[in-house]
PDB file of N, CA and C in Angstrom:
ATOM      1  N   MET A   1      13.932  26.714  -0.600  1.00  0.00           N
ATOM      2  CA  MET A   1      14.949  26.435  -1.507  1.00  0.00           C
ATOM      3  C   MET A   1      15.928  26.719  -1.463  1.00  0.00           C
ATOM      4  N   GLU A   2      16.911  26.810  -0.620  1.00  0.00           N
ATOM      5  CA  GLU A   2      18.029  27.057  -0.837  1.00  0.00           C
ATOM      6  C   GLU A   2      18.344  25.836  -0.118  1.00  0.00           C
ATOM      7  N   GLN A   3      18.095  24.850   0.662  1.00  0.00           N
ATOM      8  CA  GLN A   3      18.357  23.149   0.758  1.00  0.00           C
ATOM      9  C   GLN A   3      18.734  22.576  -0.866  1.00  0.00           C
ATOM     10  N   GLN A   4      18.007  23.477  -2.172  1.00  0.00           N
ATOM     11  CA  GLN A   4      17.757  22.453  -3.243  1.00  0.00           C
ATOM     12  C   GLN A   4      19.049  22.508  -3.844  1.00  0.00           C
ATOM     13  N   THR A   5      19.361  24.103  -3.757  1.00  0.00           N
ATOM     14  CA  THR A   5      20.435  24.513  -4.349  1.00  0.00           C
ATOM     15  C   THR A   5      21.753  25.316  -3.361  1.00  0.00           C
ATOM     16  N   PRO A   6      22.349  24.664  -3.504  1.00  0.00           N
ATOM     17  CA  PRO A   6      24.156  25.078  -2.768  1.00  0.00           C
ATOM     18  C   PRO A   6      24.198  26.565  -2.124  1.00  0.00           C
ATOM     19  N   ASN A   7      23.768  27.852  -3.335  1.00  0.00           N
ATOM     20  CA  ASN A   7      24.195  28.940  -3.162  1.00  0.00           C
ATOM     21  C   ASN A   7      23.014  29.545  -3.037  1.00  0.00           C
ATOM     22  N   GLY A   8      21.560  28.817  -3.205  1.00  0.00           N
ATOM     23  CA  GLY A   8      20.066  29.421  -2.533  1.00  0.00           C
ATOM     24  C   GLY A   8      19.311  30.026  -4.005  1.00  0.00           C
ATOM     25  N   GLN A   9      20.283  29.663  -4.956  1.00  0.00           N
ATOM     26  CA  GLN A   9      19.632  30.658  -6.566  1.00  0.00           C
ATOM     27  C   GLN A   9      18.727  29.232  -7.118  1.00  0.00           C
ATOM     28  N   PHE A  10      18.008  29.458  -7.525  1.00  0.00           N
ATOM     29  CA  PHE A  10      17.096  29.117  -8.659  1.00  0.00           C
ATOM     30  C   PHE A  10      17.990  28.349 -10.002  1.00  0.00           C
ATOM     31  N   SER A  11      18.157  27.388 -10.220  1.00  0.00           N
ATOM     32  CA  SER A  11      19.594  26.808 -11.296  1.00  0.00           C
ATOM     33  C   SER A  11      18.675  27.010 -12.499  1.00  0.00           C
ATOM     34  N   PHE A  12      17.460  27.498 -12.564  1.00  0.00           N
ATOM     35  CA  PHE A  12      16.878  27.081 -13.802  1.00  0.00           C
ATOM     36  C   PHE A  12      16.546  28.438 -14.337  1.00  0.00           C
ATOM     37  N   ILE A  13      17.972  29.588 -14.192  1.00  0.00           N
ATOM     38  CA  ILE A  13      17.091  31.277 -14.562  1.00  0.00           C
ATOM     39  C   ILE A  13      16.988  31.685 -16.070  1.00  0.00           C
ATOM     40  N   ASN A  14      17.637  30.401 -17.117  1.00  0.00           N
ATOM     41  CA  ASN A  14      16.823  30.963 -18.330  1.00  0.00           C
ATOM     42  C   ASN A  14      15.918  30.087 -18.550  1.00  0.00           C
ATOM     43  N   LEU A  15      14.799  29.680 -17.765  1.00  0.00           N
ATOM     44  CA  LEU A  15      13.734  28.663 -18.144  1.00  0.00           C
ATOM     45  C   LEU A  15      12.662  29.371 -18.831  1.00  0.00           C
ATOM     46  N   LYS A  16      11.726  29.165 -20.228  1.00  0.00           N
ATOM     47  CA  LYS A  16      11.292  29.617 -20.739  1.00  0.00           C
ATOM     48  C   LYS A  16       9.976  28.821 -20.635  1.00  0.00           C
ATOM     49  N   ARG A  17       8.926  29.253 -21.182  1.00  0.00           N
ATOM     50  CA  ARG A  17       7.298  28.296 -21.035  1.00  0.00           C
ATOM     51  C   ARG A  17       7.880  27.424 -22.071  1.00  0.00           C
ATOM     52  N   ASP A  18       8.174  27.775 -22.978  1.00  0.00           N
ATOM     53  CA  ASP A  18       8.423  26.241 -23.860  1.00  0.00           C
ATOM     54  C   ASP A  18       9.493  26.104 -24.143  1.00  0.00           C
ATOM     55  N   ASP A  19      10.240  25.832 -22.960  1.00  0.00           N
ATOM     56  CA  ASP A  19      10.903  24.762 -22.466  1.00  0.00           C
ATOM     57  C   ASP A  19      10.450  23.751 -21.680  1.00  0.00           C
ATOM     58  N   ILE A  20       8.882  23.728 -20.947  1.00  0.00           N
ATOM     59  CA  ILE A  20       8.565  23.055 -20.499  1.00  0.00           C
ATOM     60  C   ILE A  20       6.994  22.723 -21.103  1.00  0.00           C
ATOM     61  N   MET A  21       6.978  20.763 -20.699  1.00  0.00           N
ATOM     62  CA  MET A  21       5.827  20.278 -21.714  1.00  0.00           C
ATOM     63  C   MET A  21       5.355  19.264 -20.262  1.00  0.00           C
ATOM     64  N   THR A  22       4.451  18.585 -20.475  1.00  0.00           N
ATOM     65  CA  THR A  22       3.599  17.665 -20.019  1.00  0.00           C
ATOM     66  C   THR A  22       4.261  16.276 -20.536  1.00  0.00           C
ATOM     67  N   LEU A  23       4.403  15.421 -19.711  1.00  0.00           N
ATOM     68  CA  LEU A  23       4.674  13.812 -20.084  1.00  0.00           C
ATOM     69  C   LEU A  23       3.461  13.366 -20.536  1.00  0.00           C
ATOM     70  N   ASP A  24       3.267  12.362 -21.362  1.00  0.00           N
ATOM     71  CA  ASP A  24       2.446  11.488 -21.458  1.00  0.00           C
ATOM     72  C   ASP A  24       2.804  10.193 -20.645  1.00  0.00           C
ATOM     73  N   GLY A  25       2.110   9.651 -20.838  1.00  0.00           N
ATOM     74  CA  GLY A  25       1.856   8.388 -19.855  1.00  0.00           C
ATOM     75  C   GLY A  25       3.121   7.451 -19.869  1.00  0.00           C
ATOM     76  N   GLU A  26       3.595   6.748 -21.414  1.00  0.00           N
ATOM     77  CA  GLU A  26       4.087   6.169 -21.437  1.00  0.00           C
ATOM     78  C   GLU A  26       5.534   6.866 -20.850  1.00  0.00           C
ATOM     79  N   ARG A  27       5.933   7.675 -21.454  1.00  0.00           N
ATOM     80  CA  ARG A  27       7.147   8.642 -20.709  1.00  0.00           C
ATOM     81  C   ARG A  27       7.287   9.050 -19.472  1.00  0.00           C
ATOM     82  N   GLU A  28       6.536   9.150 -19.192  1.00  0.00           N
ATOM     83  CA  GLU A  28       6.272   8.964 -17.476  1.00  0.00           C
ATOM     84  C   GLU A  28       6.646   7.731 -16.984  1.00  0.00           C
ATOM     85  N   ALA A  29       6.373   6.565 -17.157  1.00  0.00           N
ATOM     86  CA  ALA A  29       6.437   5.575 -16.879  1.00  0.00           C
ATOM     87  C   ALA A  29       7.890   4.854 -17.233  1.00  0.00           C
ATOM     88  N   TYR A  30       8.142   5.722 -17.926  1.00  0.00           N
ATOM     89  CA  TYR A  30      10.187   4.958 -18.522  1.00  0.00           C
ATOM     90  C   TYR A  30      10.599   6.009 -17.052  1.00  0.00           C
ATOM     91  N   PHE A  31      10.350   7.148 -17.042  1.00  0.00           N
ATOM     92  CA  PHE A  31      11.222   7.633 -16.263  1.00  0.00           C
ATOM     93  C   PHE A  31      10.885   7.454 -15.163  1.00  0.00           C
ATOM     94  N   GLY A  32      10.213   7.330 -14.703  1.00  0.00           N
ATOM     95  CA  GLY A  32       9.458   6.300 -13.492  1.00  0.00           C
ATOM     96  C   GLY A  32      10.313   5.273 -13.344  1.00  0.00           C
ATOM     97  N   ALA A  33      10.476   4.118 -13.821  1.00  0.00           N
ATOM     98  CA  ALA A  33      11.420   3.266 -14.313  1.00  0.00           C
ATOM     99  C   ALA A  33      12.347   3.154 -13.842  1.00  0.00           C
ATOM    100  N   VAL A  34      12.829   4.237 -14.717  1.00  0.00           N
ATOM    101  CA  VAL A  34      15.117   4.625 -14.351  1.00  0.00           C
ATOM    102  C   VAL A  34      14.863   4.997 -13.468  1.00  0.00           C
ATOM    103  N   ALA A  35      14.042   6.259 -13.075  1.00  0.00           N
ATOM    104  CA  ALA A  35      14.066   6.731 -11.011  1.00  0.00           C
ATOM    105  C   ALA A  35      14.451   5.675 -10.484  1.00  0.00           C
ATOM    106  N   ALA A  36      13.341   4.557 -10.529  1.00  0.00           N
ATOM    107  CA  ALA A  36      13.402   3.330  -9.533  1.00  0.00           C
ATOM    108  C   ALA A  36      14.958   2.900  -9.654  1.00  0.00           C
ATOM    109  N   ASN A  37      15.043   2.194 -10.617  1.00  0.00           N
ATOM    110  CA  ASN A  37      16.438   1.273 -11.041  1.00  0.00           C
ATOM    111  C   ASN A  37      17.135   2.087 -10.555  1.00  0.00           C
ATOM    112  N   TYR A  38      17.789   3.456 -10.461  1.00  0.00           N
ATOM    113  CA  TYR A  38      18.581   4.063 -10.299  1.00  0.00           C
ATOM    114  C   TYR A  38      18.284   4.066  -8.476  1.00  0.00           C
ATOM    115  N   LEU A  39      17.547   4.528  -7.894  1.00  0.00           N
ATOM    116  CA  LEU A  39      17.566   4.776  -6.407  1.00  0.00           C
ATOM    117  C   LEU A  39      17.544   3.226  -5.949  1.00  0.00           C
ATOM    118  N   ARG A  40      17.275   2.391  -6.521  1.00  0.00           N
ATOM    119  CA  ARG A  40      17.395   1.066  -6.239  1.00  0.00           C
ATOM    120  C   ARG A  40      18.956   0.273  -6.444  1.00  0.00           C
ATOM    121  N   GLY A  41      19.871   0.985  -7.132  1.00  0.00           N
ATOM    122  CA  GLY A  41      20.959   0.146  -7.715  1.00  0.00           C
ATOM    123  C   GLY A  41      21.402   0.169  -8.598  1.00  0.00           C
ATOM    124  N   VAL A  42      20.430  -0.755  -9.140  1.00  0.00           N
ATOM    125  CA  VAL A  42      20.289  -1.276 -10.739  1.00  0.00           C
ATOM    126  C   VAL A  42      20.652  -0.654 -11.823  1.00  0.00           C
ATOM    127  N   ILE A  43      21.006   0.714 -11.769  1.00  0.00           N
ATOM    128  CA  ILE A  43      21.690   1.334 -13.100  1.00  0.00           C
ATOM    129  C   ILE A  43      22.711   2.555 -12.642  1.00  0.00           C
ATOM    130  N   ASP A  44      23.748   2.796 -13.322  1.00  0.00           N
ATOM    131  CA  ASP A  44      24.255   4.143 -12.875  1.00  0.00           C
ATOM    132  C   ASP A  44      23.641   5.643 -13.333  1.00  0.00           C
ATOM    133  N   ALA A  45      23.944   6.407 -13.030  1.00  0.00           N
ATOM    134  CA  ALA A  45      24.147   7.482 -13.791  1.00  0.00           C
ATOM    135  C   ALA A  45      24.097   7.873 -15.125  1.00  0.00           C
ATOM    136  N   GLU A  46      24.717   6.857 -15.781  1.00  0.00           N
ATOM    137  CA  GLU A  46      24.644   6.666 -17.008  1.00  0.00           C
ATOM    138  C   GLU A  46      24.185   5.756 -17.777  1.00  0.00           C
ATOM    139  N   LEU A  47      22.938   5.123 -16.909  1.00  0.00           N
ATOM    140  CA  LEU A  47      21.943   4.317 -17.435  1.00  0.00           C
ATOM    141  C   LEU A  47      22.649   2.645 -17.830  1.00  0.00           C
ATOM    142  N   ARG A  48      24.143   2.630 -17.225  1.00  0.00           N
ATOM    143  CA  ARG A  48      24.468   1.235 -17.348  1.00  0.00           C
ATOM    144  C   ARG A  48      24.052   0.144 -16.196  1.00  0.00           C
ATOM    145  N   VAL A  49      23.814  -1.232 -16.318  1.00  0.00           N
ATOM    146  CA  VAL A  49      23.261  -2.025 -15.672  1.00  0.00           C
ATOM    147  C   VAL A  49      24.434  -1.794 -15.158  1.00  0.00           C
ATOM    148  N   ILE A  50      24.186  -2.442 -13.005  1.00  0.00           N
ATOM    149  CA  ILE A  50      25.087  -2.613 -12.636  1.00  0.00           C
ATOM    150  C   ILE A  50      24.915  -3.893 -11.936  1.00  0.00           C
ATOM    151  N   VAL A  51      25.884  -4.430 -11.872  1.00  0.00           N
ATOM    152  CA  VAL A  51      26.126  -6.283 -11.724  1.00  0.00           C
ATOM    153  C   VAL A  51      26.126  -6.246 -10.418  1.00  0.00           C
ATOM    154  N   PRO A  52      25.439  -6.907  -9.541  1.00  0.00           N
ATOM    155  CA  PRO A  52      25.919  -6.991  -8.535  1.00  0.00           C
ATOM    156  C   PRO A  52      27.065  -7.864  -8.019  1.00  0.00           C
ATOM    157  N   SER A  53      28.157  -7.914  -6.979  1.00  0.00           N
ATOM    158  CA  SER A  53      28.666  -9.031  -6.527  1.00  0.00           C
ATOM    159  C   SER A  53      28.327 -10.393  -6.562  1.00  0.00           C
ATOM    160  N   ASP A  54      28.386 -11.447  -5.971  1.00  0.00           N
ATOM    161  CA  ASP A  54      27.845 -12.644  -5.415  1.00  0.00           C
ATOM    162  C   ASP A  54      27.436 -12.698  -4.136  1.00  0.00           C
ATOM    163  N   GLU A  55      28.308 -11.595  -3.347  1.00  0.00           N
ATOM    164  CA  GLU A  55      28.171 -11.534  -1.833  1.00  0.00           C
ATOM    165  C   GLU A  55      26.450 -10.520  -1.651  1.00  0.00           C
ATOM    166  N   GLU A  56      26.619  -9.669  -2.605  1.00  0.00           N
ATOM    167  CA  GLU A  56      25.483  -8.731  -2.760  1.00  0.00           C
ATOM    168  C   GLU A  56      24.463  -9.529  -3.288  1.00  0.00           C
ATOM    169  N   GLU A  57      24.453 -10.334  -4.178  1.00  0.00           N
ATOM    170  CA  GLU A  57      22.859 -10.888  -4.485  1.00  0.00           C
ATOM    171  C   GLU A  57      22.453 -11.905  -3.088  1.00  0.00           C
ATOM    172  N   ASP A  58      23.187 -12.484  -2.965  1.00  0.00           N
ATOM    173  CA  ASP A  58      22.989 -13.555  -1.271  1.00  0.00           C
ATOM    174  C   ASP A  58      22.338 -11.925  -0.657  1.00  0.00           C
ATOM    175  N   GLU A  59      23.147 -11.249  -0.213  1.00  0.00           N
ATOM    176  CA  GLU A  59      22.369  -9.915   0.742  1.00  0.00           C
ATOM    177  C   GLU A  59      20.732  -9.987   0.383  1.00  0.00           C
ATOM    178  N   ASP A  60      20.809  -9.595  -0.849  1.00  0.00           N
ATOM    179  CA  ASP A  60      19.699  -9.223  -1.489  1.00  0.00           C
ATOM    180  C   ASP A  60      18.470 -10.120  -1.130  1.00  0.00           C
ATOM    181  N   GLU A  61      18.822 -11.295  -1.598  1.00  0.00           N
ATOM    182  CA  GLU A  61      18.152 -12.321  -1.354  1.00  0.00           C
ATOM    183  C   GLU A  61      17.447 -12.960   0.161  1.00  0.00           C
ATOM    184  N   GLN A  62      18.864 -12.647   0.735  1.00  0.00           N
ATOM    185  CA  GLN A  62      18.416 -12.465   2.206  1.00  0.00           C
ATOM    186  C   GLN A  62      16.830 -11.594   3.114  1.00  0.00           C
ATOM    187  N   ASN A  63      17.341 -10.297   2.549  1.00  0.00           N
ATOM    188  CA  ASN A  63      16.786  -9.148   2.955  1.00  0.00           C
ATOM    189  C   ASN A  63      15.435  -9.446   2.243  1.00  0.00           C
ATOM    190  N   VAL A  64      15.418  -9.714   1.216  1.00  0.00           N
ATOM    191  CA  VAL A  64      14.031 -10.182   0.230  1.00  0.00           C
ATOM    192  C   VAL A  64      12.940 -11.229   1.345  1.00  0.00           C
ATOM    193  N   ILE A  65      13.671 -12.266   1.252  1.00  0.00           N
ATOM    194  CA  ILE A  65      13.404 -13.398   2.380  1.00  0.00           C
ATOM    195  C   ILE A  65      12.490 -12.916   3.693  1.00  0.00           C
ATOM    196  N   ALA A  66      13.693 -12.251   4.629  1.00  0.00           N
ATOM    197  CA  ALA A  66      13.312 -11.528   6.082  1.00  0.00           C
ATOM    198  C   ALA A  66      12.000 -10.174   5.643  1.00  0.00           C
ATOM    199  N   ALA A  67      11.929  -9.796   4.483  1.00  0.00           N
ATOM    200  CA  ALA A  67      10.502  -8.900   4.371  1.00  0.00           C
ATOM    201  C   ALA A  67       9.855  -9.670   3.885  1.00  0.00           C
ATOM    202  N   ARG A  68       9.381 -10.365   3.528  1.00  0.00           N
ATOM    203  CA  ARG A  68       8.702 -11.915   3.596  1.00  0.00           C
ATOM    204  C   ARG A  68       8.116 -12.013   4.677  1.00  0.00           C
ATOM    205  N   LYS A  69       9.090 -12.844   5.762  1.00  0.00           N
ATOM    206  CA  LYS A  69       8.590 -13.198   7.018  1.00  0.00           C
ATOM    207  C   LYS A  69       8.141 -12.332   7.504  1.00  0.00           C
ATOM    208  N   GLN A  70       8.825 -10.827   7.975  1.00  0.00           N
ATOM    209  CA  GLN A  70       8.232  -9.965   8.585  1.00  0.00           C
ATOM    210  C   GLN A  70       6.629  -9.692   7.809  1.00  0.00           C
ATOM    211  N   GLN A  71       6.894  -9.570   6.475  1.00  0.00           N
ATOM    212  CA  GLN A  71       5.080  -8.959   6.198  1.00  0.00           C
ATOM    213  C   GLN A  71       4.054 -10.443   6.459  1.00  0.00           C
ATOM    214  N   GLN A  72       4.397 -11.173   6.785  1.00  0.00           N
ATOM    215  CA  GLN A  72       4.081 -12.840   6.458  1.00  0.00           C
ATOM    216  C   GLN A  72       3.194 -12.818   8.097  1.00  0.00           C
ATOM    217  N   GLN A  73       4.775 -12.447   8.946  1.00  0.00           N
ATOM    218  CA  GLN A  73       3.911 -12.160  10.682  1.00  0.00           C
ATOM    219  C   GLN A  73       3.421 -11.114  10.699  1.00  0.00           C
ATOM    220  N   GLN A  74       3.285  -9.573  10.215  1.00  0.00           N
ATOM    221  CA  GLN A  74       2.293  -8.899  10.272  1.00  0.00           C
ATOM    222  C   GLN A  74       0.792  -9.215   9.957  1.00  0.00           C
ATOM    223  N   GLY A  75       0.369  -9.679   8.903  1.00  0.00           N
ATOM    224  CA  GLY A  75      -0.482 -10.420   8.333  1.00  0.00           C
ATOM    225  C   GLY A  75      -1.203 -11.016   9.976  1.00  0.00           C
ATOM    226  N   VAL A  76      -0.468 -11.970  10.171  1.00  0.00           N
ATOM    227  CA  VAL A  76      -0.954 -12.656  10.821  1.00  0.00           C
ATOM    228  C   VAL A  76      -1.436 -12.156  12.470  1.00  0.00           C
ATOM    229  N   GLN A  77      -0.328 -11.135  12.883  1.00  0.00           N
ATOM    230  CA  GLN A  77      -0.638 -10.522  13.840  1.00  0.00           C
ATOM    231  C   GLN A  77      -2.175  -9.693  13.492  1.00  0.00           C
ATOM    232  N   SER A  78      -2.145  -9.099  12.396  1.00  0.00           N
ATOM    233  CA  SER A  78      -3.642  -8.227  12.073  1.00  0.00           C
ATOM    234  C   SER A  78      -4.464  -9.055  11.928  1.00  0.00           C
ATOM    235  N   ASN A  79      -4.786 -10.359  11.282  1.00  0.00           N
ATOM    236  CA  ASN A  79      -5.852 -11.172  11.408  1.00  0.00           C
ATOM    237  C   ASN A  79      -5.959 -11.765  12.700  1.00  0.00           C
ATOM    238  N   ASN A  80      -5.231 -11.896  13.593  1.00  0.00           N
ATOM    239  CA  ASN A  80      -5.578 -12.437  14.938  1.00  0.00           C
ATOM    240  C   ASN A  80      -5.968 -10.723  15.510  1.00  0.00           C
ATOM    241  N   GLY A  81      -5.746 -10.215  15.766  1.00  0.00           N
ATOM    242  CA  GLY A  81      -6.558  -8.467  15.909  1.00  0.00           C
ATOM    243  C   GLY A  81      -7.713  -8.439  15.884  1.00  0.00           C
ATOM    244  N   ASP A  82      -7.961  -8.861  14.012  1.00  0.00           N
ATOM    245  CA  ASP A  82      -9.343  -8.928  13.547  1.00  0.00           C
ATOM    246  C   ASP A  82     -10.444  -9.908  14.251  1.00  0.00           C
ATOM    247  N   ASP A  83      -9.755 -11.325  14.245  1.00  0.00           N
ATOM    248  CA  ASP A  83     -10.809 -11.916  14.996  1.00  0.00           C
ATOM    249  C   ASP A  83     -10.912 -11.882  16.520  1.00  0.00           C
ATOM    250  N   ASN A  84     -10.249 -11.455  17.246  1.00  0.00           N
ATOM    251  CA  ASN A  84     -10.437 -10.981  18.778  1.00  0.00           C
ATOM    252  C   ASN A  84     -11.512  -9.640  18.505  1.00  0.00           C
ATOM    253  N   LYS A  85     -11.707  -8.674  17.382  1.00  0.00           N
ATOM    254  CA  LYS A  85     -12.284  -7.977  17.665  1.00  0.00           C
ATOM    255  C   LYS A  85     -13.907  -8.470  16.848  1.00  0.00           C
ATOM    256  N   LYS A  86     -13.638  -9.543  16.199  1.00  0.00           N
ATOM    257  CA  LYS A  86     -15.342  -9.631  15.944  1.00  0.00           C
ATOM    258  C   LYS A  86     -15.916 -11.287  16.767  1.00  0.00           C
ATOM    259  N   GLY A  87     -15.229 -11.368  17.812  1.00  0.00           N
ATOM    260  CA  GLY A  87     -15.280 -12.122  19.218  1.00  0.00           C
ATOM    261  C   GLY A  87     -15.418 -13.674  18.274  1.00  0.00           C
ATOM    262  N   ILE A  88     -14.333 -14.090  17.008  1.00  0.00           N
ATOM    263  CA  ILE A  88     -14.478 -15.415  16.827  1.00  0.00           C
ATOM    264  C   ILE A  88     -13.256 -16.123  17.804  1.00  0.00           C
TER     265      ILE A  88
END
């Protein structure tokens, strides 16, 4: 708990059971999408879309291409290993 708050105190000291609810699937999906987009840098804390510069777009595209190549190479290596195990 101390790692989550600077002073080691529980930050929701006035929390009551009535303040808590279970999210339905639609809300859970919404907040999940918001969190994912925030963590990826697509939106800011005010939910404004962050428009990447041309350089950032080029870098992102290069990262996607590199990740795909790596996945393909891993798939080929995995298949080669499976083939050897089967005696093919």
